[in-house]
Amino acid sequence: MSMPAAVDRYYTRDEVLVLPDDGNRYELVYGELLVTPSPAVSHQLVVGRLFAALHAYVERHAVGRAFVSPADLSWGREDIIVQPDIFVLSPGDVREDRWERLRHFELFVEVLSPSTARYDRFTKRRLYQEMRVPLYWVIDIGRRRAEVWTPEATMPMYEEERVRWEPAGAGEGIVMELAELFRA
């Protein structure tokens, strides 16, 4: 379950970066502190499967670089720090060596947990759309489906069998079967 943050103030990037390493994930969206506990085993299994497939794909097709959090992404702003479960950095930014310098991303993925669902579906999703992340997948283990968002979308497209990503310059896209991601 998510922990309530102080709502009577705005936080900055510097304040969040010095919070204690207490097992919680601290994120910041336009000054609002988001605090969530460590993820469950099922969450990490799905993250691991997705990351392995995406990492192999982007390396093979040279369409960026895949990462798994923690990573303090901020687009250089003082009122934002997010840690998407998985993200693919655009090819033009792969030489940057500091998280706060990264500006261009191809794909963000969040795997829902009960404690993160509201943030992932609403707060962070709106931020990712505003920052023009081209594709955002919300992987819902409980409902065994994915929500697919683009910057222009007002509602998600629901996928119940597979997710697909076809980045420019790859020659071929990647298709991941949800049944494989959700297997025990």
C-alpha atoms as a PDB file:
ATOM      1  CA  MET A   1       0.000   0.000   0.000  1.00  0.00           C
ATOM      2  CA  SER A   2       1.252   3.475  -0.798  1.00  0.00           C
ATOM      3  CA  MET A   3       2.211   5.715   2.041  1.00  0.00           C
ATOM      4  CA  PRO A   4       0.739   9.192   2.247  1.00  0.00           C
ATOM      5  CA  ALA A   5       3.192  11.974   1.619  1.00  0.00           C
ATOM      6  CA  ALA A   6       3.063  15.411   3.149  1.00  0.00           C
ATOM      7  CA  VAL A   7       0.510  17.294   1.063  1.00  0.00           C
ATOM      8  CA  ASP A   8       1.094  20.742   2.516  1.00  0.00           C
ATOM      9  CA  ARG A   9       4.310  21.399   0.630  1.00  0.00           C
ATOM     10  CA  TYR A  10       6.165  20.865  -2.593  1.00  0.00           C
ATOM     11  CA  TYR A  11       9.323  18.778  -2.650  1.00  0.00           C
ATOM     12  CA  THR A  12      12.406  19.312  -4.802  1.00  0.00           C
ATOM     13  CA  ARG A  13      14.689  16.865  -6.541  1.00  0.00           C
ATOM     14  CA  ASP A  14      17.511  17.580  -4.074  1.00  0.00           C
ATOM     15  CA  GLU A  15      15.258  16.852  -1.080  1.00  0.00           C
ATOM     16  CA  VAL A  16      14.106  13.546  -2.518  1.00  0.00           C
ATOM     17  CA  LEU A  17      17.615  12.405  -3.371  1.00  0.00           C
ATOM     18  CA  VAL A  18      18.661  12.611   0.302  1.00  0.00           C
ATOM     19  CA  LEU A  19      15.704  10.663   1.718  1.00  0.00           C
ATOM     20  CA  PRO A  20      16.728   7.524   3.614  1.00  0.00           C
ATOM     21  CA  ASP A  21      17.366   4.217   1.869  1.00  0.00           C
ATOM     22  CA  ASP A  22      14.567   2.496   3.766  1.00  0.00           C
ATOM     23  CA  GLY A  23      13.188   0.077   1.162  1.00  0.00           C
ATOM     24  CA  ASN A  24      10.633   2.522  -0.198  1.00  0.00           C
ATOM     25  CA  ARG A  25      10.672   4.021  -3.668  1.00  0.00           C
ATOM     26  CA  TYR A  26      10.542   7.814  -3.656  1.00  0.00           C
ATOM     27  CA  GLU A  27       9.389   9.654  -6.761  1.00  0.00           C
ATOM     28  CA  LEU A  28       8.413  13.241  -7.460  1.00  0.00           C
ATOM     29  CA  VAL A  29       5.860  14.533  -9.967  1.00  0.00           C
ATOM     30  CA  TYR A  30       5.534  18.317 -10.166  1.00  0.00           C
ATOM     31  CA  GLY A  31       6.559  18.615  -6.520  1.00  0.00           C
ATOM     32  CA  GLU A  32       4.253  15.864  -5.218  1.00  0.00           C
ATOM     33  CA  LEU A  33       6.133  13.173  -3.302  1.00  0.00           C
ATOM     34  CA  LEU A  34       5.087   9.620  -4.239  1.00  0.00           C
ATOM     35  CA  VAL A  35       6.147   6.923  -1.781  1.00  0.00           C
ATOM     36  CA  THR A  36       5.678   3.213  -2.469  1.00  0.00           C
ATOM     37  CA  PRO A  37       7.056   0.069  -0.825  1.00  0.00           C
ATOM     38  CA  SER A  38       9.303  -2.504  -2.491  1.00  0.00           C
ATOM     39  CA  PRO A  39       7.536  -4.544  -5.182  1.00  0.00           C
ATOM     40  CA  ALA A  40       6.254  -8.116  -4.798  1.00  0.00           C
ATOM     41  CA  VAL A  41       7.877 -11.204  -6.281  1.00  0.00           C
ATOM     42  CA  SER A  42       5.293 -11.517  -9.092  1.00  0.00           C
ATOM     43  CA  HIS A  43       5.942  -7.900 -10.064  1.00  0.00           C
ATOM     44  CA  GLN A  44       9.694  -8.497 -10.284  1.00  0.00           C
ATOM     45  CA  LEU A  45       9.248 -11.687 -12.329  1.00  0.00           C
ATOM     46  CA  VAL A  46       7.230  -9.798 -14.944  1.00  0.00           C
ATOM     47  CA  VAL A  47       9.693  -6.883 -14.923  1.00  0.00           C
ATOM     48  CA  GLY A  48      12.571  -9.317 -15.421  1.00  0.00           C
ATOM     49  CA  ARG A  49      10.908 -11.071 -18.363  1.00  0.00           C
ATOM     50  CA  LEU A  50      10.010  -7.789 -20.049  1.00  0.00           C
ATOM     51  CA  PHE A  51      13.453  -6.322 -19.516  1.00  0.00           C
ATOM     52  CA  ALA A  52      15.244  -9.407 -20.853  1.00  0.00           C
ATOM     53  CA  ALA A  53      13.183  -9.343 -24.062  1.00  0.00           C
ATOM     54  CA  LEU A  54      13.464  -5.574 -24.555  1.00  0.00           C
ATOM     55  CA  HIS A  55      17.187  -5.485 -23.789  1.00  0.00           C
ATOM     56  CA  ALA A  56      17.954  -8.208 -26.338  1.00  0.00           C
ATOM     57  CA  TYR A  57      15.744  -6.510 -28.926  1.00  0.00           C
ATOM     58  CA  VAL A  58      17.196  -2.989 -28.618  1.00  0.00           C
ATOM     59  CA  GLU A  59      20.753  -4.312 -28.639  1.00  0.00           C
ATOM     60  CA  ARG A  60      20.106  -6.440 -31.738  1.00  0.00           C
ATOM     61  CA  HIS A  61      18.396  -3.605 -33.640  1.00  0.00           C
ATOM     62  CA  ALA A  62      20.417  -0.646 -32.240  1.00  0.00           C
ATOM     63  CA  VAL A  63      17.286   1.359 -31.400  1.00  0.00           C
ATOM     64  CA  GLY A  64      18.406   2.712 -28.030  1.00  0.00           C
ATOM     65  CA  ARG A  65      19.269   1.232 -24.679  1.00  0.00           C
ATOM     66  CA  ALA A  66      16.973  -0.593 -22.231  1.00  0.00           C
ATOM     67  CA  PHE A  67      17.173   0.005 -18.474  1.00  0.00           C
ATOM     68  CA  VAL A  68      15.438  -1.228 -15.361  1.00  0.00           C
ATOM     69  CA  SER A  69      15.034   1.101 -12.377  1.00  0.00           C
ATOM     70  CA  PRO A  70      16.247   2.504 -10.084  1.00  0.00           C
ATOM     71  CA  ALA A  71      17.039   5.530 -12.207  1.00  0.00           C
ATOM     72  CA  ASP A  72      16.207   9.088 -11.174  1.00  0.00           C
ATOM     73  CA  LEU A  73      14.744  10.482 -14.402  1.00  0.00           C
ATOM     74  CA  SER A  74      13.838  14.164 -14.291  1.00  0.00           C
ATOM     75  CA  TRP A  75      14.151  15.698 -17.777  1.00  0.00           C
ATOM     76  CA  GLY A  76      16.431  18.198 -16.006  1.00  0.00           C
ATOM     77  CA  ARG A  77      13.623  19.568 -13.824  1.00  0.00           C
ATOM     78  CA  GLU A  78      13.796  20.194 -10.087  1.00  0.00           C
ATOM     79  CA  ASP A  79      10.200  19.092  -9.445  1.00  0.00           C
ATOM     80  CA  ILE A  80      10.332  15.657 -11.138  1.00  0.00           C
ATOM     81  CA  ILE A  81      11.998  12.339 -10.341  1.00  0.00           C
ATOM     82  CA  VAL A  82      10.463   9.156 -11.700  1.00  0.00           C
ATOM     83  CA  GLN A  83      11.623   5.589 -11.766  1.00  0.00           C
ATOM     84  CA  PRO A  84       9.684   3.648 -14.379  1.00  0.00           C
ATOM     85  CA  ASP A  85      10.097  -0.095 -13.965  1.00  0.00           C
ATOM     86  CA  ILE A  86      11.621  -0.327 -17.457  1.00  0.00           C
ATOM     87  CA  PHE A  87      12.492   2.314 -20.023  1.00  0.00           C
ATOM     88  CA  VAL A  88      14.165   2.499 -23.394  1.00  0.00           C
ATOM     89  CA  LEU A  89      16.409   5.463 -24.001  1.00  0.00           C
ATOM     90  CA  SER A  90      16.450   6.991 -27.490  1.00  0.00           C
ATOM     91  CA  PRO A  91      19.566   6.337 -29.596  1.00  0.00           C
ATOM     92  CA  GLY A  92      20.588  10.013 -29.458  1.00  0.00           C
ATOM     93  CA  ASP A  93      20.867   9.971 -25.650  1.00  0.00           C
ATOM     94  CA  VAL A  94      22.723   6.669 -25.147  1.00  0.00           C
ATOM     95  CA  ARG A  95      26.051   8.414 -24.513  1.00  0.00           C
ATOM     96  CA  GLU A  96      24.734  10.528 -21.610  1.00  0.00           C
ATOM     97  CA  ASP A  97      26.110   9.396 -18.267  1.00  0.00           C
ATOM     98  CA  ARG A  98      23.803  11.149 -15.784  1.00  0.00           C
ATOM     99  CA  TRP A  99      20.104  10.388 -15.297  1.00  0.00           C
ATOM    100  CA  GLU A 100      19.096  14.053 -15.035  1.00  0.00           C
ATOM    101  CA  ARG A 101      20.585  14.771 -18.476  1.00  0.00           C
ATOM    102  CA  LEU A 102      18.372  12.251 -20.267  1.00  0.00           C
ATOM    103  CA  ARG A 103      15.590  13.835 -22.283  1.00  0.00           C
ATOM    104  CA  HIS A 104      14.506  11.429 -25.036  1.00  0.00           C
ATOM    105  CA  PHE A 105      12.884   8.075 -24.461  1.00  0.00           C
ATOM    106  CA  GLU A 106      11.210   5.548 -26.747  1.00  0.00           C
ATOM    107  CA  LEU A 107       9.220   3.406 -24.320  1.00  0.00           C
ATOM    108  CA  PHE A 108       8.267   3.409 -20.649  1.00  0.00           C
ATOM    109  CA  VAL A 109       6.817   0.362 -18.875  1.00  0.00           C
ATOM    110  CA  GLU A 110       5.207   0.208 -15.454  1.00  0.00           C
ATOM    111  CA  VAL A 111       4.067  -3.098 -13.957  1.00  0.00           C
ATOM    112  CA  LEU A 112       1.179  -2.408 -11.614  1.00  0.00           C
ATOM    113  CA  SER A 113       1.259  -3.203  -7.936  1.00  0.00           C
ATOM    114  CA  PRO A 114      -1.616  -2.441  -5.581  1.00  0.00           C
ATOM    115  CA  SER A 115       0.487   0.356  -4.075  1.00  0.00           C
ATOM    116  CA  THR A 116       1.424   1.931  -7.429  1.00  0.00           C
ATOM    117  CA  ALA A 117      -1.698   1.520  -9.579  1.00  0.00           C
ATOM    118  CA  ARG A 118      -3.115   5.007  -9.019  1.00  0.00           C
ATOM    119  CA  TYR A 119       0.232   6.711  -9.567  1.00  0.00           C
ATOM    120  CA  ASP A 120       1.107   4.611 -12.626  1.00  0.00           C
ATOM    121  CA  ARG A 121      -2.290   4.985 -14.292  1.00  0.00           C
ATOM    122  CA  PHE A 122      -2.903   8.646 -13.591  1.00  0.00           C
ATOM    123  CA  THR A 123      -0.156  10.804 -12.058  1.00  0.00           C
ATOM    124  CA  LYS A 124       2.828   9.321 -13.878  1.00  0.00           C
ATOM    125  CA  ARG A 125       0.905   8.523 -17.059  1.00  0.00           C
ATOM    126  CA  ARG A 126      -0.070  12.183 -17.482  1.00  0.00           C
ATOM    127  CA  LEU A 127       3.544  13.214 -16.895  1.00  0.00           C
ATOM    128  CA  TYR A 128       4.818  10.720 -19.470  1.00  0.00           C
ATOM    129  CA  GLN A 129       2.295  12.005 -21.992  1.00  0.00           C
ATOM    130  CA  GLU A 130       3.281  15.628 -21.313  1.00  0.00           C
ATOM    131  CA  MET A 131       6.949  14.690 -21.725  1.00  0.00           C
ATOM    132  CA  ARG A 132       6.039  13.109 -25.076  1.00  0.00           C
ATOM    133  CA  VAL A 133       7.157   9.573 -24.283  1.00  0.00           C
ATOM    134  CA  PRO A 134       6.048   7.890 -27.543  1.00  0.00           C
ATOM    135  CA  LEU A 135       4.755   4.678 -25.976  1.00  0.00           C
ATOM    136  CA  TYR A 136       3.784   3.769 -22.417  1.00  0.00           C
ATOM    137  CA  TRP A 137       2.722   0.282 -21.330  1.00  0.00           C
ATOM    138  CA  VAL A 138       0.907  -0.290 -18.053  1.00  0.00           C
ATOM    139  CA  ILE A 139       1.137  -4.013 -17.357  1.00  0.00           C
ATOM    140  CA  ASP A 140      -1.721  -5.200 -15.144  1.00  0.00           C
ATOM    141  CA  ILE A 141      -0.854  -8.603 -13.665  1.00  0.00           C
ATOM    142  CA  GLY A 142      -4.182  -8.922 -11.833  1.00  0.00           C
ATOM    143  CA  ARG A 143      -6.291  -8.376 -14.956  1.00  0.00           C
ATOM    144  CA  ARG A 144      -3.732 -10.110 -17.191  1.00  0.00           C
ATOM    145  CA  ARG A 145      -3.676  -7.307 -19.719  1.00  0.00           C
ATOM    146  CA  ALA A 146      -1.758  -4.247 -20.799  1.00  0.00           C
ATOM    147  CA  GLU A 147      -2.857  -0.660 -21.197  1.00  0.00           C
ATOM    148  CA  VAL A 148      -1.146   1.037 -24.118  1.00  0.00           C
ATOM    149  CA  TRP A 149      -0.802   4.823 -24.072  1.00  0.00           C
ATOM    150  CA  THR A 150       0.576   7.338 -26.553  1.00  0.00           C
ATOM    151  CA  PRO A 151       1.017  11.080 -25.951  1.00  0.00           C
ATOM    152  CA  GLU A 152      -2.230  11.912 -27.749  1.00  0.00           C
ATOM    153  CA  ALA A 153      -4.431   9.198 -26.180  1.00  0.00           C
ATOM    154  CA  THR A 154      -7.293  10.172 -23.887  1.00  0.00           C
ATOM    155  CA  MET A 155      -8.056   6.536 -23.048  1.00  0.00           C
ATOM    156  CA  PRO A 156      -5.837   3.476 -23.122  1.00  0.00           C
ATOM    157  CA  MET A 157      -5.925   0.772 -25.731  1.00  0.00           C
ATOM    158  CA  TYR A 158      -6.306  -2.541 -23.895  1.00  0.00           C
ATOM    159  CA  GLU A 159      -4.294  -5.531 -25.058  1.00  0.00           C
ATOM    160  CA  GLU A 160      -5.170  -8.939 -23.662  1.00  0.00           C
ATOM    161  CA  GLU A 161      -3.000 -11.193 -25.822  1.00  0.00           C
ATOM    162  CA  ARG A 162       0.223  -9.347 -26.698  1.00  0.00           C
ATOM    163  CA  VAL A 163       2.031  -6.034 -26.703  1.00  0.00           C
ATOM    164  CA  ARG A 164       3.858  -4.740 -29.752  1.00  0.00           C
ATOM    165  CA  TRP A 165       6.513  -2.098 -30.275  1.00  0.00           C
ATOM    166  CA  GLU A 166       7.765  -1.018 -33.679  1.00  0.00           C
ATOM    167  CA  PRO A 167      10.417   1.686 -33.257  1.00  0.00           C
ATOM    168  CA  ALA A 168      11.615   3.628 -36.280  1.00  0.00           C
ATOM    169  CA  GLY A 169      14.708   2.169 -37.891  1.00  0.00           C
ATOM    170  CA  ALA A 170      14.383  -1.293 -36.359  1.00  0.00           C
ATOM    171  CA  GLY A 171      13.319  -3.088 -39.513  1.00  0.00           C
ATOM    172  CA  GLU A 172      11.006  -5.289 -37.472  1.00  0.00           C
ATOM    173  CA  GLY A 173       9.026  -4.821 -34.295  1.00  0.00           C
ATOM    174  CA  ILE A 174       8.958  -6.830 -31.111  1.00  0.00           C
ATOM    175  CA  VAL A 175       5.863  -8.724 -30.005  1.00  0.00           C
ATOM    176  CA  MET A 176       5.568 -10.070 -26.479  1.00  0.00           C
ATOM    177  CA  GLU A 177       2.873 -12.554 -25.571  1.00  0.00           C
ATOM    178  CA  LEU A 178       1.172 -11.591 -22.310  1.00  0.00           C
ATOM    179  CA  ALA A 179       0.550 -15.238 -21.388  1.00  0.00           C
ATOM    180  CA  GLU A 180       4.333 -15.712 -21.382  1.00  0.00           C
ATOM    181  CA  LEU A 181       4.867 -12.631 -19.211  1.00  0.00           C
ATOM    182  CA  PHE A 182       2.235 -13.753 -16.692  1.00  0.00           C
ATOM    183  CA  ARG A 183       3.182 -17.451 -16.477  1.00  0.00           C
ATOM    184  CA  ALA A 184       3.844 -18.803 -12.997  1.00  0.00           C
END
